[in-house]
Amino acid sequence: MPSFTPQEASYAVEVPYATETVVLDLRGRSRYLSAVTVDGTRYRGQAIQAQVDFAADE
């Protein structure tokens, strides 16, 4: 799991080849956080759960 810092705006994670879904639980530590973008989708609020679906092309 990557460590998160306010200075970083983009993160990447490597997962095993057979992985089809990744679920992210995000909790803002700043009261000024109004939204987060995950995989192109904008989520409003300080606590969100985002699911990223992907599958390998065969």
N, C-alpha and C. Protein backbone atom coordinates (compact mmCIF):
# COMPACT_ATOMS: atom_id res chain seq x y z
N MET A 1 0.85 -1.17 0.00
CA MET A 1 0.00 0.00 0.00
C MET A 1 0.90 1.24 0.00
N PRO A 2 0.63 2.19 -0.90
CA PRO A 2 1.45 3.41 -0.90
C PRO A 2 1.13 4.28 0.30
N SER A 3 2.13 5.02 0.73
CA SER A 3 1.86 5.99 1.80
C SER A 3 1.34 7.26 1.14
N PHE A 4 0.40 7.90 1.78
CA PHE A 4 -0.27 9.05 1.20
C PHE A 4 0.21 10.33 1.86
N THR A 5 0.43 11.35 1.03
CA THR A 5 0.86 12.65 1.52
C THR A 5 0.07 13.74 0.81
N PRO A 6 -0.13 14.89 1.43
CA PRO A 6 -0.88 15.97 0.80
C PRO A 6 -0.20 16.53 -0.46
N GLN A 7 1.10 16.36 -0.57
CA GLN A 7 1.83 16.91 -1.72
C GLN A 7 1.67 16.06 -2.97
N GLU A 8 1.24 14.81 -2.83
CA GLU A 8 1.10 13.90 -3.96
C GLU A 8 -0.32 13.98 -4.51
N ALA A 9 -0.45 14.11 -5.83
CA ALA A 9 -1.78 14.23 -6.43
C ALA A 9 -2.18 13.00 -7.23
N SER A 10 -1.24 12.07 -7.45
CA SER A 10 -1.54 10.90 -8.26
C SER A 10 -0.83 9.69 -7.68
N TYR A 11 -1.52 8.55 -7.67
CA TYR A 11 -0.96 7.31 -7.13
C TYR A 11 -1.16 6.18 -8.11
N ALA A 12 -0.28 5.19 -8.04
CA ALA A 12 -0.40 3.99 -8.86
C ALA A 12 -0.16 2.77 -7.97
N VAL A 13 -0.85 1.68 -8.28
CA VAL A 13 -0.71 0.45 -7.52
C VAL A 13 -0.59 -0.71 -8.49
N GLU A 14 0.30 -1.65 -8.20
CA GLU A 14 0.40 -2.87 -9.00
C GLU A 14 -0.37 -3.97 -8.30
N VAL A 15 -1.15 -4.72 -9.08
CA VAL A 15 -1.94 -5.82 -8.53
C VAL A 15 -1.64 -7.08 -9.34
N PRO A 16 -1.92 -8.25 -8.78
CA PRO A 16 -1.70 -9.49 -9.52
C PRO A 16 -2.51 -9.52 -10.82
N TYR A 17 -2.03 -10.26 -11.80
CA TYR A 17 -2.62 -10.32 -13.13
C TYR A 17 -4.11 -10.67 -13.11
N ALA A 18 -4.53 -11.61 -12.28
CA ALA A 18 -5.91 -12.09 -12.28
C ALA A 18 -6.87 -11.16 -11.54
N THR A 19 -6.40 -10.07 -10.97
CA THR A 19 -7.27 -9.15 -10.23
C THR A 19 -8.28 -8.50 -11.17
N GLU A 20 -9.54 -8.48 -10.77
CA GLU A 20 -10.60 -7.88 -11.58
C GLU A 20 -11.16 -6.60 -10.98
N THR A 21 -11.05 -6.44 -9.66
CA THR A 21 -11.62 -5.27 -8.98
C THR A 21 -10.73 -4.85 -7.83
N VAL A 22 -10.61 -3.54 -7.65
CA VAL A 22 -9.92 -2.97 -6.49
C VAL A 22 -10.89 -2.01 -5.82
N VAL A 23 -11.06 -2.14 -4.51
CA VAL A 23 -11.93 -1.24 -3.76
C VAL A 23 -11.06 -0.33 -2.90
N LEU A 24 -11.30 0.96 -3.02
CA LEU A 24 -10.54 1.95 -2.26
C LEU A 24 -11.43 2.58 -1.20
N ASP A 25 -10.97 2.61 0.03
CA ASP A 25 -11.64 3.33 1.10
C ASP A 25 -10.80 4.57 1.39
N LEU A 26 -11.35 5.73 1.10
CA LEU A 26 -10.60 6.98 1.24
C LEU A 26 -11.21 7.85 2.32
N ARG A 27 -10.37 8.38 3.17
CA ARG A 27 -10.82 9.27 4.25
C ARG A 27 -9.91 10.48 4.26
N GLY A 28 -10.49 11.64 4.03
CA GLY A 28 -9.72 12.88 4.03
C GLY A 28 -9.32 13.28 5.44
N ARG A 29 -8.12 13.80 5.57
CA ARG A 29 -7.66 14.25 6.88
C ARG A 29 -7.73 15.76 7.01
N SER A 30 -8.17 16.43 5.97
CA SER A 30 -8.30 17.88 6.00
C SER A 30 -9.78 18.25 5.90
N ARG A 31 -10.20 19.18 6.71
CA ARG A 31 -11.60 19.61 6.63
C ARG A 31 -11.88 20.40 5.35
N TYR A 32 -10.83 20.79 4.63
CA TYR A 32 -10.97 21.54 3.39
C TYR A 32 -11.13 20.65 2.16
N LEU A 33 -10.96 19.34 2.32
CA LEU A 33 -11.12 18.42 1.19
C LEU A 33 -12.59 18.39 0.77
N SER A 34 -12.85 18.65 -0.49
CA SER A 34 -14.24 18.65 -0.95
C SER A 34 -14.54 17.52 -1.93
N ALA A 35 -13.50 17.00 -2.61
CA ALA A 35 -13.73 15.94 -3.59
C ALA A 35 -12.43 15.22 -3.90
N VAL A 36 -12.58 13.98 -4.41
CA VAL A 36 -11.46 13.15 -4.83
C VAL A 36 -11.82 12.56 -6.18
N THR A 37 -10.85 12.44 -7.09
CA THR A 37 -11.09 11.80 -8.38
C THR A 37 -10.38 10.46 -8.40
N VAL A 38 -11.13 9.40 -8.72
CA VAL A 38 -10.58 8.04 -8.79
C VAL A 38 -10.95 7.47 -10.15
N ASP A 39 -9.94 7.12 -10.92
CA ASP A 39 -10.14 6.50 -12.23
C ASP A 39 -11.10 7.32 -13.10
N GLY A 40 -10.97 8.65 -13.03
CA GLY A 40 -11.77 9.54 -13.86
C GLY A 40 -13.13 9.93 -13.29
N THR A 41 -13.53 9.34 -12.18
CA THR A 41 -14.81 9.66 -11.55
C THR A 41 -14.58 10.55 -10.33
N ARG A 42 -15.31 11.65 -10.25
CA ARG A 42 -15.16 12.59 -9.13
C ARG A 42 -16.16 12.23 -8.03
N TYR A 43 -15.63 12.08 -6.82
CA TYR A 43 -16.44 11.76 -5.64
C TYR A 43 -16.38 12.95 -4.69
N ARG A 44 -17.54 13.39 -4.22
CA ARG A 44 -17.58 14.51 -3.29
C ARG A 44 -17.64 14.00 -1.86
N GLY A 45 -16.99 14.72 -0.97
CA GLY A 45 -17.01 14.37 0.45
C GLY A 45 -15.65 13.99 0.97
N GLN A 46 -15.58 13.82 2.28
CA GLN A 46 -14.30 13.50 2.91
C GLN A 46 -14.09 12.01 3.14
N ALA A 47 -15.14 11.20 3.03
CA ALA A 47 -15.01 9.76 3.20
C ALA A 47 -15.78 9.09 2.07
N ILE A 48 -15.07 8.34 1.24
CA ILE A 48 -15.72 7.68 0.11
C ILE A 48 -15.22 6.24 -0.03
N GLN A 49 -15.97 5.45 -0.75
CA GLN A 49 -15.52 4.13 -1.16
C GLN A 49 -15.67 4.09 -2.68
N ALA A 50 -14.58 3.80 -3.36
CA ALA A 50 -14.59 3.76 -4.82
C ALA A 50 -14.15 2.37 -5.28
N GLN A 51 -14.83 1.85 -6.29
CA GLN A 51 -14.48 0.56 -6.86
C GLN A 51 -13.94 0.77 -8.27
N VAL A 52 -12.78 0.21 -8.54
CA VAL A 52 -12.18 0.29 -9.87
C VAL A 52 -12.23 -1.10 -10.47
N ASP A 53 -12.97 -1.24 -11.55
CA ASP A 53 -13.10 -2.54 -12.23
C ASP A 53 -12.18 -2.56 -13.45
N PHE A 54 -11.53 -3.68 -13.65
CA PHE A 54 -10.72 -3.86 -14.85
C PHE A 54 -10.52 -5.35 -15.07
N ALA A 55 -10.26 -5.70 -16.30
CA ALA A 55 -10.00 -7.09 -16.66
C ALA A 55 -8.98 -7.10 -17.79
N ALA A 56 -8.17 -8.12 -17.81
CA ALA A 56 -7.16 -8.23 -18.85
C ALA A 56 -7.82 -8.63 -20.16
N ASP A 57 -7.34 -8.05 -21.26
CA ASP A 57 -7.83 -8.44 -22.58
C ASP A 57 -7.23 -9.81 -22.93
N GLU A 58 -8.07 -10.70 -23.40
CA GLU A 58 -7.58 -12.03 -23.76
C GLU A 58 -7.68 -12.24 -25.23
